Amino acid sequence: MLMKLDNRTDGAAPLRSTGAIGADIRALRRSRSWTLNDLADRLDRSVGWLSQVERGQSEPALADIRAVAGLFGLPVSFFFSQSPDTPESAYVVRADSRRSMTDEDKGLVESLLSPDLGGAFESVHSVFAAGARCPEPFVRPTEEAGYVIEGSLTLIIDGEEIRLEKGDSFRFAGETVSWINEGDVPAVLIWVIAPPVY
């Protein structure tokens, strides 16, 4: 079921839900180790309603999507795509229809490369502005790997600083992590996270 938000006449595809909102919400909930009850309470909704949404039996109203986006610090647009509704959309994400997440406080712009969050992992295109830094070290119950396409980025893993340059790759799982772009140009990385957290 697709939720169209507008009927454009300029030839562009209308903004529509990804068709996988339930799977995305489930992945986000699990990334925080929340139960159905935990998230339902935070949304002031019933567990039955949330279960139906997560299983794709019901699509949430826009107000519910806004509430979910707010809880996870995501823009509402994260749950929508401007790609045409075609058979390939379950497998392919075109460059002009990626779902983006911007964190201006961190100087970070990320785009989801995976079609949805329903799989075992997600792929993210990350751009760290020159001088950007992670404000707080974090620990996630994930295994993460990445590859530096452009620029450089310093990862701090369990207190050890590791400078990554173009062409370098990395992997970590469960450690305390932070990062900083000490370079004069943006650092562009492909980041793979399992299970999905966005």
N, C-alpha and C. Protein backbone atom coordinates (compact mmCIF):
# COMPACT_ATOMS: atom_id res chain seq x y z
N MET A 1 0.85 -1.17 0.00
CA MET A 1 0.00 0.00 0.00
C MET A 1 0.90 1.24 0.00
N LEU A 2 0.69 2.15 -0.93
CA LEU A 2 1.52 3.34 -1.04
C LEU A 2 0.72 4.56 -0.66
N MET A 3 1.32 5.44 0.12
CA MET A 3 0.66 6.66 0.56
C MET A 3 1.21 7.83 -0.25
N LYS A 4 0.42 8.36 -1.17
CA LYS A 4 0.87 9.48 -1.97
C LYS A 4 0.59 10.77 -1.21
N LEU A 5 1.57 11.68 -1.22
CA LEU A 5 1.41 12.95 -0.52
C LEU A 5 1.06 14.10 -1.43
N ASP A 6 1.30 13.98 -2.73
CA ASP A 6 0.91 15.05 -3.64
C ASP A 6 0.68 14.48 -5.03
N ASN A 7 0.06 15.26 -5.85
CA ASN A 7 -0.16 14.88 -7.23
C ASN A 7 0.51 15.92 -8.10
N ARG A 8 1.77 15.73 -8.37
CA ARG A 8 2.55 16.73 -9.07
C ARG A 8 2.21 16.72 -10.55
N THR A 9 2.30 17.90 -11.15
CA THR A 9 2.04 18.02 -12.57
C THR A 9 3.29 18.40 -13.34
N ASP A 10 4.42 18.45 -12.65
CA ASP A 10 5.66 18.85 -13.32
C ASP A 10 6.44 17.69 -13.91
N GLY A 11 5.84 16.51 -13.93
CA GLY A 11 6.49 15.35 -14.51
C GLY A 11 7.31 14.55 -13.51
N ALA A 12 7.60 15.11 -12.33
CA ALA A 12 8.36 14.38 -11.31
C ALA A 12 7.46 13.35 -10.64
N ALA A 13 8.07 12.29 -10.16
CA ALA A 13 7.29 11.28 -9.46
C ALA A 13 6.73 11.88 -8.17
N PRO A 14 5.51 11.52 -7.79
CA PRO A 14 4.95 12.05 -6.54
C PRO A 14 5.67 11.47 -5.34
N LEU A 15 5.69 12.22 -4.26
CA LEU A 15 6.26 11.72 -3.02
C LEU A 15 5.35 10.63 -2.50
N ARG A 16 5.89 9.46 -2.23
CA ARG A 16 5.08 8.33 -1.78
C ARG A 16 5.83 7.58 -0.71
N SER A 17 5.10 6.81 0.07
CA SER A 17 5.78 6.00 1.09
C SER A 17 6.63 4.96 0.40
N THR A 18 7.60 4.45 1.12
CA THR A 18 8.48 3.44 0.54
C THR A 18 7.76 2.11 0.35
N GLY A 19 6.61 1.94 0.96
CA GLY A 19 5.93 0.66 0.90
C GLY A 19 6.49 -0.31 1.93
N ALA A 20 7.51 0.12 2.65
CA ALA A 20 8.15 -0.73 3.66
C ALA A 20 8.23 -0.02 5.00
N ILE A 21 7.30 0.88 5.25
CA ILE A 21 7.34 1.66 6.49
C ILE A 21 7.32 0.73 7.71
N GLY A 22 6.49 -0.30 7.67
CA GLY A 22 6.42 -1.22 8.80
C GLY A 22 7.75 -1.88 9.10
N ALA A 23 8.41 -2.36 8.04
CA ALA A 23 9.72 -2.99 8.22
C ALA A 23 10.74 -1.98 8.73
N ASP A 24 10.65 -0.75 8.24
CA ASP A 24 11.56 0.30 8.71
C ASP A 24 11.33 0.57 10.19
N ILE A 25 10.08 0.69 10.60
CA ILE A 25 9.78 0.95 12.01
C ILE A 25 10.26 -0.20 12.89
N ARG A 26 10.04 -1.44 12.43
CA ARG A 26 10.52 -2.60 13.20
C ARG A 26 12.04 -2.55 13.37
N ALA A 27 12.75 -2.26 12.27
CA ALA A 27 14.22 -2.20 12.34
C ALA A 27 14.68 -1.09 13.29
N LEU A 28 14.04 0.06 13.22
CA LEU A 28 14.39 1.16 14.12
C LEU A 28 14.13 0.77 15.58
N ARG A 29 12.99 0.15 15.83
CA ARG A 29 12.64 -0.27 17.19
C ARG A 29 13.67 -1.27 17.72
N ARG A 30 14.00 -2.26 16.90
CA ARG A 30 14.95 -3.29 17.33
C ARG A 30 16.34 -2.71 17.55
N SER A 31 16.70 -1.69 16.75
CA SER A 31 18.03 -1.08 16.91
C SER A 31 18.18 -0.44 18.28
N ARG A 32 17.08 -0.08 18.92
CA ARG A 32 17.11 0.50 20.28
C ARG A 32 16.82 -0.55 21.35
N SER A 33 16.64 -1.79 20.91
CA SER A 33 16.29 -2.90 21.81
C SER A 33 14.98 -2.64 22.53
N TRP A 34 14.05 -1.97 21.85
CA TRP A 34 12.73 -1.70 22.42
C TRP A 34 11.78 -2.83 22.06
N THR A 35 10.90 -3.16 22.97
CA THR A 35 9.84 -4.12 22.68
C THR A 35 8.70 -3.40 21.97
N LEU A 36 7.75 -4.17 21.47
CA LEU A 36 6.54 -3.56 20.89
C LEU A 36 5.87 -2.66 21.92
N ASN A 37 5.81 -3.14 23.17
CA ASN A 37 5.20 -2.34 24.25
C ASN A 37 5.93 -1.01 24.44
N ASP A 38 7.26 -1.06 24.43
CA ASP A 38 8.06 0.16 24.63
C ASP A 38 7.70 1.22 23.59
N LEU A 39 7.70 0.83 22.31
CA LEU A 39 7.43 1.80 21.26
C LEU A 39 5.97 2.21 21.25
N ALA A 40 5.07 1.27 21.45
CA ALA A 40 3.65 1.62 21.48
C ALA A 40 3.37 2.64 22.59
N ASP A 41 3.98 2.46 23.75
CA ASP A 41 3.80 3.42 24.85
C ASP A 41 4.33 4.80 24.46
N ARG A 42 5.48 4.84 23.82
CA ARG A 42 6.06 6.13 23.42
C ARG A 42 5.20 6.84 22.37
N LEU A 43 4.49 6.05 21.56
CA LEU A 43 3.63 6.61 20.52
C LEU A 43 2.21 6.82 20.99
N ASP A 44 1.91 6.36 22.20
CA ASP A 44 0.55 6.41 22.74
C ASP A 44 -0.43 5.67 21.82
N ARG A 45 0.01 4.50 21.37
CA ARG A 45 -0.79 3.63 20.50
C ARG A 45 -0.83 2.24 21.10
N SER A 46 -1.72 1.41 20.61
CA SER A 46 -1.83 0.05 21.13
C SER A 46 -0.76 -0.84 20.51
N VAL A 47 -0.43 -1.89 21.24
CA VAL A 47 0.53 -2.88 20.73
C VAL A 47 -0.03 -3.55 19.48
N GLY A 48 -1.34 -3.83 19.48
CA GLY A 48 -1.97 -4.45 18.31
C GLY A 48 -1.83 -3.60 17.06
N TRP A 49 -2.04 -2.28 17.21
CA TRP A 49 -1.90 -1.37 16.07
C TRP A 49 -0.47 -1.40 15.56
N LEU A 50 0.50 -1.29 16.47
CA LEU A 50 1.90 -1.27 16.07
C LEU A 50 2.30 -2.58 15.41
N SER A 51 1.83 -3.69 15.93
CA SER A 51 2.13 -5.00 15.35
C SER A 51 1.61 -5.09 13.92
N GLN A 52 0.39 -4.59 13.68
CA GLN A 52 -0.16 -4.60 12.33
C GLN A 52 0.67 -3.73 11.38
N VAL A 53 1.10 -2.58 11.86
CA VAL A 53 1.93 -1.69 11.04
C VAL A 53 3.24 -2.38 10.70
N GLU A 54 3.90 -2.95 11.70
CA GLU A 54 5.20 -3.58 11.46
C GLU A 54 5.10 -4.76 10.51
N ARG A 55 3.96 -5.46 10.51
CA ARG A 55 3.78 -6.61 9.62
C ARG A 55 3.24 -6.21 8.25
N GLY A 56 3.05 -4.91 8.03
CA GLY A 56 2.58 -4.44 6.74
C GLY A 56 1.10 -4.64 6.51
N GLN A 57 0.35 -4.94 7.56
CA GLN A 57 -1.09 -5.14 7.42
C GLN A 57 -1.85 -3.82 7.49
N SER A 58 -1.17 -2.77 7.94
CA SER A 58 -1.77 -1.45 8.04
C SER A 58 -0.67 -0.42 7.84
N GLU A 59 -1.01 0.68 7.17
CA GLU A 59 -0.02 1.75 6.99
C GLU A 59 -0.38 2.89 7.93
N PRO A 60 0.60 3.41 8.66
CA PRO A 60 0.31 4.46 9.64
C PRO A 60 -0.08 5.78 8.97
N ALA A 61 -0.84 6.59 9.69
CA ALA A 61 -1.19 7.92 9.22
C ALA A 61 0.06 8.80 9.27
N LEU A 62 0.02 9.90 8.55
CA LEU A 62 1.16 10.81 8.51
C LEU A 62 1.52 11.31 9.91
N ALA A 63 0.53 11.54 10.76
CA ALA A 63 0.80 11.99 12.13
C ALA A 63 1.60 10.95 12.90
N ASP A 64 1.29 9.67 12.67
CA ASP A 64 2.04 8.59 13.32
C ASP A 64 3.47 8.54 12.79
N ILE A 65 3.62 8.74 11.49
CA ILE A 65 4.97 8.72 10.89
C ILE A 65 5.79 9.88 11.46
N ARG A 66 5.16 11.04 11.62
CA ARG A 66 5.86 12.17 12.22
C ARG A 66 6.32 11.83 13.64
N ALA A 67 5.45 11.16 14.39
CA ALA A 67 5.79 10.79 15.77
C ALA A 67 6.96 9.81 15.80
N VAL A 68 6.95 8.83 14.92
CA VAL A 68 8.05 7.86 14.85
C VAL A 68 9.34 8.56 14.46
N ALA A 69 9.26 9.42 13.44
CA ALA A 69 10.45 10.16 13.00
C ALA A 69 11.03 10.98 14.14
N GLY A 70 10.17 11.64 14.90
CA GLY A 70 10.63 12.44 16.03
C GLY A 70 11.33 11.60 17.09
N LEU A 71 10.78 10.43 17.38
CA LEU A 71 11.39 9.55 18.39
C LEU A 71 12.80 9.11 18.01
N PHE A 72 13.01 8.89 16.71
CA PHE A 72 14.30 8.38 16.26
C PHE A 72 15.20 9.46 15.68
N GLY A 73 14.78 10.71 15.77
CA GLY A 73 15.61 11.81 15.29
C GLY A 73 15.80 11.81 13.79
N LEU A 74 14.79 11.39 13.05
CA LEU A 74 14.86 11.33 11.59
C LEU A 74 13.90 12.35 10.98
N PRO A 75 14.21 12.82 9.77
CA PRO A 75 13.22 13.67 9.09
C PRO A 75 12.07 12.79 8.60
N VAL A 76 10.88 13.35 8.52
CA VAL A 76 9.73 12.59 8.03
C VAL A 76 10.01 12.06 6.63
N SER A 77 10.75 12.82 5.83
CA SER A 77 11.05 12.40 4.45
C SER A 77 11.80 11.07 4.39
N PHE A 78 12.42 10.66 5.50
CA PHE A 78 13.12 9.39 5.53
C PHE A 78 12.20 8.24 5.13
N PHE A 79 10.93 8.34 5.50
CA PHE A 79 9.97 7.25 5.25
C PHE A 79 9.32 7.34 3.87
N PHE A 80 9.77 8.28 3.06
CA PHE A 80 9.16 8.48 1.75
C PHE A 80 10.22 8.50 0.66
N SER A 81 9.78 8.26 -0.55
CA SER A 81 10.69 8.21 -1.69
C SER A 81 10.07 8.98 -2.85
N GLN A 82 10.91 9.51 -3.73
CA GLN A 82 10.39 10.13 -4.94
C GLN A 82 10.66 9.24 -6.15
N SER A 83 11.08 8.01 -5.89
CA SER A 83 11.33 7.10 -7.01
C SER A 83 10.00 6.57 -7.52
N PRO A 84 9.94 6.26 -8.82
CA PRO A 84 8.71 5.70 -9.36
C PRO A 84 8.42 4.34 -8.74
N ASP A 85 7.16 3.98 -8.68
CA ASP A 85 6.76 2.69 -8.14
C ASP A 85 6.91 1.65 -9.25
N THR A 86 8.07 0.99 -9.26
CA THR A 86 8.36 0.00 -10.29
C THR A 86 8.82 -1.29 -9.62
N PRO A 87 8.83 -2.39 -10.37
CA PRO A 87 9.30 -3.65 -9.79
C PRO A 87 10.73 -3.57 -9.26
N GLU A 88 11.56 -2.71 -9.86
CA GLU A 88 12.96 -2.63 -9.41
C GLU A 88 13.11 -1.94 -8.07
N SER A 89 12.12 -1.17 -7.63
CA SER A 89 12.28 -0.37 -6.41
C SER A 89 12.49 -1.23 -5.16
N ALA A 90 12.16 -2.51 -5.22
CA ALA A 90 12.43 -3.40 -4.08
C ALA A 90 13.90 -3.81 -4.04
N TYR A 91 14.63 -3.56 -5.14
CA TYR A 91 16.01 -4.01 -5.26
C TYR A 91 17.01 -2.88 -5.50
N VAL A 92 16.55 -1.80 -6.16
CA VAL A 92 17.45 -0.76 -6.64
C VAL A 92 17.05 0.59 -6.05
N VAL A 93 18.05 1.36 -5.63
CA VAL A 93 17.83 2.74 -5.19
C VAL A 93 18.58 3.63 -6.18
N ARG A 94 17.85 4.42 -6.94
CA ARG A 94 18.46 5.33 -7.90
C ARG A 94 19.07 6.52 -7.16
N ALA A 95 20.13 7.07 -7.71
CA ALA A 95 20.88 8.15 -7.05
C ALA A 95 20.00 9.34 -6.70
N ASP A 96 18.99 9.63 -7.51
CA ASP A 96 18.15 10.79 -7.26
C ASP A 96 16.96 10.52 -6.35
N SER A 97 16.87 9.31 -5.80
CA SER A 97 15.72 9.00 -4.95
C SER A 97 16.11 8.39 -3.60
N ARG A 98 17.35 8.65 -3.16
CA ARG A 98 17.79 8.14 -1.86
C ARG A 98 17.07 8.85 -0.72
N ARG A 99 16.87 8.13 0.37
CA ARG A 99 16.31 8.73 1.58
C ARG A 99 17.47 9.32 2.38
N SER A 100 17.36 10.61 2.70
CA SER A 100 18.46 11.32 3.36
C SER A 100 18.16 11.60 4.82
N MET A 101 19.25 11.66 5.60
CA MET A 101 19.19 12.00 7.01
C MET A 101 20.30 13.01 7.26
N THR A 102 19.96 14.20 7.72
CA THR A 102 20.96 15.25 7.95
C THR A 102 21.03 15.54 9.44
N ASP A 103 22.23 15.57 9.97
CA ASP A 103 22.45 15.94 11.36
C ASP A 103 23.39 17.14 11.36
N GLU A 104 22.82 18.35 11.32
CA GLU A 104 23.62 19.57 11.23
C GLU A 104 24.53 19.74 12.44
N ASP A 105 24.10 19.28 13.62
CA ASP A 105 24.93 19.40 14.81
C ASP A 105 26.25 18.64 14.66
N LYS A 106 26.20 17.54 13.93
CA LYS A 106 27.40 16.73 13.72
C LYS A 106 28.13 17.07 12.43
N GLY A 107 27.49 17.86 11.55
CA GLY A 107 28.10 18.11 10.24
C GLY A 107 28.08 16.88 9.38
N LEU A 108 26.99 16.13 9.45
CA LEU A 108 26.90 14.83 8.79
C LEU A 108 25.64 14.76 7.94
N VAL A 109 25.80 14.33 6.70
CA VAL A 109 24.66 14.08 5.81
C VAL A 109 24.77 12.63 5.37
N GLU A 110 23.71 11.85 5.60
CA GLU A 110 23.73 10.44 5.22
C GLU A 110 22.55 10.14 4.31
N SER A 111 22.77 9.23 3.37
CA SER A 111 21.72 8.78 2.46
C SER A 111 21.66 7.26 2.52
N LEU A 112 20.46 6.75 2.65
CA LEU A 112 20.28 5.30 2.71
C LEU A 112 20.43 4.72 1.32
N LEU A 113 21.38 3.81 1.15
CA LEU A 113 21.60 3.15 -0.13
C LEU A 113 20.77 1.89 -0.27
N SER A 114 20.33 1.32 0.84
CA SER A 114 19.50 0.13 0.83
C SER A 114 18.05 0.52 0.49
N PRO A 115 17.31 -0.36 -0.18
CA PRO A 115 15.91 -0.03 -0.51
C PRO A 115 15.03 0.17 0.72
N ASP A 116 15.36 -0.50 1.83
CA ASP A 116 14.59 -0.35 3.06
C ASP A 116 15.44 -0.85 4.22
N LEU A 117 14.86 -0.90 5.41
CA LEU A 117 15.59 -1.36 6.59
C LEU A 117 15.21 -2.79 6.97
N GLY A 118 14.53 -3.50 6.09
CA GLY A 118 14.01 -4.81 6.42
C GLY A 118 15.03 -5.94 6.33
N GLY A 119 16.20 -5.69 5.80
CA GLY A 119 17.19 -6.75 5.65
C GLY A 119 18.06 -6.92 6.87
N ALA A 120 19.08 -7.74 6.74
CA ALA A 120 19.99 -8.01 7.85
C ALA A 120 20.99 -6.88 8.05
N PHE A 121 21.17 -6.02 7.04
CA PHE A 121 22.11 -4.90 7.15
C PHE A 121 21.58 -3.74 6.32
N GLU A 122 22.20 -2.58 6.51
CA GLU A 122 21.89 -1.41 5.69
C GLU A 122 23.19 -0.83 5.16
N SER A 123 23.10 -0.19 4.00
CA SER A 123 24.25 0.52 3.42
C SER A 123 23.91 2.00 3.41
N VAL A 124 24.89 2.82 3.83
CA VAL A 124 24.67 4.25 3.96
C VAL A 124 25.81 5.00 3.29
N HIS A 125 25.48 6.05 2.55
CA HIS A 125 26.45 6.98 1.96
C HIS A 125 26.57 8.12 2.96
N SER A 126 27.75 8.32 3.53
CA SER A 126 27.94 9.31 4.60
C SER A 126 28.92 10.39 4.14
N VAL A 127 28.53 11.65 4.36
CA VAL A 127 29.41 12.78 4.04
C VAL A 127 29.64 13.57 5.33
N PHE A 128 30.89 13.57 5.80
CA PHE A 128 31.28 14.27 7.02
C PHE A 128 31.93 15.59 6.60
N ALA A 129 31.34 16.72 6.99
CA ALA A 129 31.88 18.03 6.61
C ALA A 129 33.27 18.22 7.19
N ALA A 130 34.07 19.07 6.54
CA ALA A 130 35.40 19.41 7.08
C ALA A 130 35.23 19.97 8.49
N GLY A 131 35.99 19.45 9.44
CA GLY A 131 35.90 19.90 10.83
C GLY A 131 34.79 19.27 11.64
N ALA A 132 33.95 18.45 11.03
CA ALA A 132 32.84 17.82 11.75
C ALA A 132 33.36 16.82 12.77
N ARG A 133 32.62 16.70 13.86
CA ARG A 133 33.00 15.73 14.88
C ARG A 133 31.76 15.17 15.55
N CYS A 134 31.88 13.96 16.02
CA CYS A 134 30.82 13.31 16.78
C CYS A 134 30.82 13.93 18.17
N PRO A 135 29.68 14.51 18.61
CA PRO A 135 29.69 15.20 19.90
C PRO A 135 29.86 14.28 21.10
N GLU A 136 29.43 13.04 20.99
CA GLU A 136 29.53 12.09 22.11
C GLU A 136 29.94 10.72 21.57
N PRO A 137 30.86 10.04 22.22
CA PRO A 137 31.14 8.65 21.82
C PRO A 137 29.87 7.81 21.96
N PHE A 138 29.75 6.78 21.15
CA PHE A 138 28.55 5.94 21.18
C PHE A 138 28.94 4.47 21.12
N VAL A 139 28.03 3.64 21.61
CA VAL A 139 28.17 2.19 21.52
C VAL A 139 26.86 1.68 20.94
N ARG A 140 26.93 0.88 19.88
CA ARG A 140 25.71 0.33 19.30
C ARG A 140 25.83 -1.19 19.25
N PRO A 141 24.72 -1.90 19.40
CA PRO A 141 24.75 -3.36 19.33
C PRO A 141 24.77 -3.82 17.86
N THR A 142 25.81 -3.40 17.16
CA THR A 142 25.89 -3.65 15.72
C THR A 142 27.29 -4.08 15.34
N GLU A 143 27.40 -4.61 14.13
CA GLU A 143 28.69 -4.78 13.48
C GLU A 143 28.70 -3.80 12.32
N GLU A 144 29.76 -3.00 12.20
CA GLU A 144 29.80 -1.95 11.20
C GLU A 144 31.11 -2.01 10.42
N ALA A 145 31.01 -1.69 9.15
CA ALA A 145 32.18 -1.66 8.29
C ALA A 145 32.04 -0.48 7.35
N GLY A 146 33.15 0.00 6.83
CA GLY A 146 33.08 1.13 5.93
C GLY A 146 34.27 1.23 5.02
N TYR A 147 34.14 2.12 4.05
CA TYR A 147 35.17 2.35 3.03
C TYR A 147 35.22 3.85 2.74
N VAL A 148 36.41 4.43 2.76
CA VAL A 148 36.58 5.86 2.52
C VAL A 148 36.71 6.10 1.01
N ILE A 149 35.76 6.84 0.45
CA ILE A 149 35.77 7.15 -0.98
C ILE A 149 36.59 8.40 -1.25
N GLU A 150 36.41 9.43 -0.40
CA GLU A 150 37.12 10.70 -0.58
C GLU A 150 37.48 11.26 0.79
N GLY A 151 38.54 12.05 0.84
CA GLY A 151 38.93 12.73 2.07
C GLY A 151 39.53 11.77 3.08
N SER A 152 39.46 12.18 4.36
CA SER A 152 39.98 11.35 5.44
C SER A 152 39.09 11.51 6.66
N LEU A 153 39.10 10.52 7.52
CA LEU A 153 38.29 10.54 8.73
C LEU A 153 39.07 9.83 9.83
N THR A 154 39.06 10.41 11.02
CA THR A 154 39.69 9.76 12.17
C THR A 154 38.61 9.07 12.98
N LEU A 155 38.73 7.76 13.12
CA LEU A 155 37.85 6.98 13.99
C LEU A 155 38.54 6.85 15.34
N ILE A 156 37.78 6.98 16.41
CA ILE A 156 38.31 6.72 17.75
C ILE A 156 37.55 5.51 18.28
N ILE A 157 38.24 4.38 18.34
CA ILE A 157 37.63 3.11 18.75
C ILE A 157 38.24 2.70 20.08
N ASP A 158 37.40 2.66 21.11
CA ASP A 158 37.86 2.36 22.47
C ASP A 158 39.07 3.20 22.85
N GLY A 159 39.03 4.49 22.49
CA GLY A 159 40.08 5.43 22.87
C GLY A 159 41.27 5.48 21.93
N GLU A 160 41.37 4.57 20.98
CA GLU A 160 42.50 4.56 20.05
C GLU A 160 42.12 5.31 18.77
N GLU A 161 42.91 6.33 18.41
CA GLU A 161 42.66 7.12 17.21
C GLU A 161 43.25 6.42 15.99
N ILE A 162 42.42 6.27 14.96
CA ILE A 162 42.84 5.60 13.73
C ILE A 162 42.47 6.52 12.58
N ARG A 163 43.47 7.05 11.88
CA ARG A 163 43.21 7.95 10.75
C ARG A 163 43.02 7.11 9.49
N LEU A 164 41.89 7.32 8.85
CA LEU A 164 41.56 6.61 7.62
C LEU A 164 41.67 7.57 6.44
N GLU A 165 42.32 7.12 5.38
CA GLU A 165 42.49 7.92 4.17
C GLU A 165 41.70 7.28 3.03
N LYS A 166 41.60 8.00 1.94
CA LYS A 166 40.91 7.50 0.74
C LYS A 166 41.41 6.10 0.41
N GLY A 167 40.47 5.18 0.22
CA GLY A 167 40.81 3.80 -0.11
C GLY A 167 40.91 2.87 1.08
N ASP A 168 40.97 3.42 2.30
CA ASP A 168 41.03 2.59 3.50
C ASP A 168 39.64 2.07 3.86
N SER A 169 39.61 0.95 4.56
CA SER A 169 38.35 0.39 5.04
C SER A 169 38.50 -0.03 6.49
N PHE A 170 37.39 -0.33 7.16
CA PHE A 170 37.42 -0.65 8.58
C PHE A 170 36.23 -1.53 8.94
N ARG A 171 36.31 -2.09 10.15
CA ARG A 171 35.20 -2.85 10.73
C ARG A 171 35.32 -2.79 12.24
N PHE A 172 34.18 -2.67 12.92
CA PHE A 172 34.16 -2.76 14.38
C PHE A 172 32.80 -3.31 14.80
N ALA A 173 32.73 -3.79 16.04
CA ALA A 173 31.48 -4.38 16.54
C ALA A 173 31.41 -4.22 18.06
N GLY A 174 30.50 -3.37 18.52
CA GLY A 174 30.23 -3.25 19.94
C GLY A 174 31.19 -2.38 20.73
N GLU A 175 32.20 -1.80 20.09
CA GLU A 175 33.14 -0.94 20.81
C GLU A 175 32.56 0.47 20.98
N THR A 176 33.21 1.25 21.85
CA THR A 176 32.87 2.67 21.99
C THR A 176 33.55 3.42 20.86
N VAL A 177 32.75 4.17 20.11
CA VAL A 177 33.25 4.79 18.87
C VAL A 177 32.93 6.28 18.84
N SER A 178 33.83 7.03 18.26
CA SER A 178 33.63 8.44 17.96
C SER A 178 34.38 8.71 16.66
N TRP A 179 34.23 9.91 16.11
CA TRP A 179 34.91 10.24 14.87
C TRP A 179 35.09 11.75 14.75
N ILE A 180 36.05 12.14 13.91
CA ILE A 180 36.29 13.55 13.61
C ILE A 180 36.89 13.64 12.21
N ASN A 181 36.46 14.65 11.46
CA ASN A 181 37.07 14.93 10.17
C ASN A 181 38.01 16.10 10.38
N GLU A 182 39.28 15.81 10.50
CA GLU A 182 40.29 16.84 10.74
C GLU A 182 40.81 17.45 9.44
N GLY A 183 40.27 16.98 8.32
CA GLY A 183 40.73 17.48 7.03
C GLY A 183 40.06 18.78 6.62
N ASP A 184 40.50 19.30 5.47
CA ASP A 184 39.95 20.55 4.92
C ASP A 184 38.84 20.31 3.92
N VAL A 185 38.56 19.06 3.63
CA VAL A 185 37.51 18.72 2.66
C VAL A 185 36.58 17.69 3.29
N PRO A 186 35.36 17.58 2.76
CA PRO A 186 34.46 16.56 3.29
C PRO A 186 35.04 15.15 3.14
N ALA A 187 34.72 14.30 4.09
CA ALA A 187 35.06 12.88 4.01
C ALA A 187 33.81 12.15 3.53
N VAL A 188 33.95 11.34 2.50
CA VAL A 188 32.82 10.61 1.94
C VAL A 188 33.09 9.12 2.14
N LEU A 189 32.15 8.45 2.80
CA LEU A 189 32.31 7.03 3.11
C LEU A 189 31.07 6.25 2.72
N ILE A 190 31.27 4.97 2.44
CA ILE A 190 30.18 4.01 2.38
C ILE A 190 30.25 3.24 3.68
N TRP A 191 29.13 3.19 4.41
CA TRP A 191 29.07 2.59 5.74
C TRP A 191 28.04 1.47 5.71
N VAL A 192 28.39 0.31 6.21
CA VAL A 192 27.47 -0.84 6.27
C VAL A 192 27.25 -1.19 7.73
N ILE A 193 25.98 -1.31 8.11
CA ILE A 193 25.62 -1.52 9.52
C ILE A 193 24.67 -2.70 9.63
N ALA A 194 24.98 -3.63 10.53
CA ALA A 194 24.12 -4.79 10.76
C ALA A 194 23.92 -5.01 12.25
N PRO A 195 22.68 -5.10 12.71
CA PRO A 195 21.44 -4.87 11.97
C PRO A 195 21.24 -3.37 11.71
N PRO A 196 20.30 -3.00 10.84
CA PRO A 196 20.06 -1.60 10.52
C PRO A 196 19.71 -0.78 11.77
N VAL A 197 20.15 0.48 11.77
CA VAL A 197 19.86 1.36 12.92
C VAL A 197 19.11 2.62 12.52
N TYR A 198 18.99 2.90 11.23
CA TYR A 198 18.28 4.11 10.80
C TYR A 198 16.89 3.77 10.34
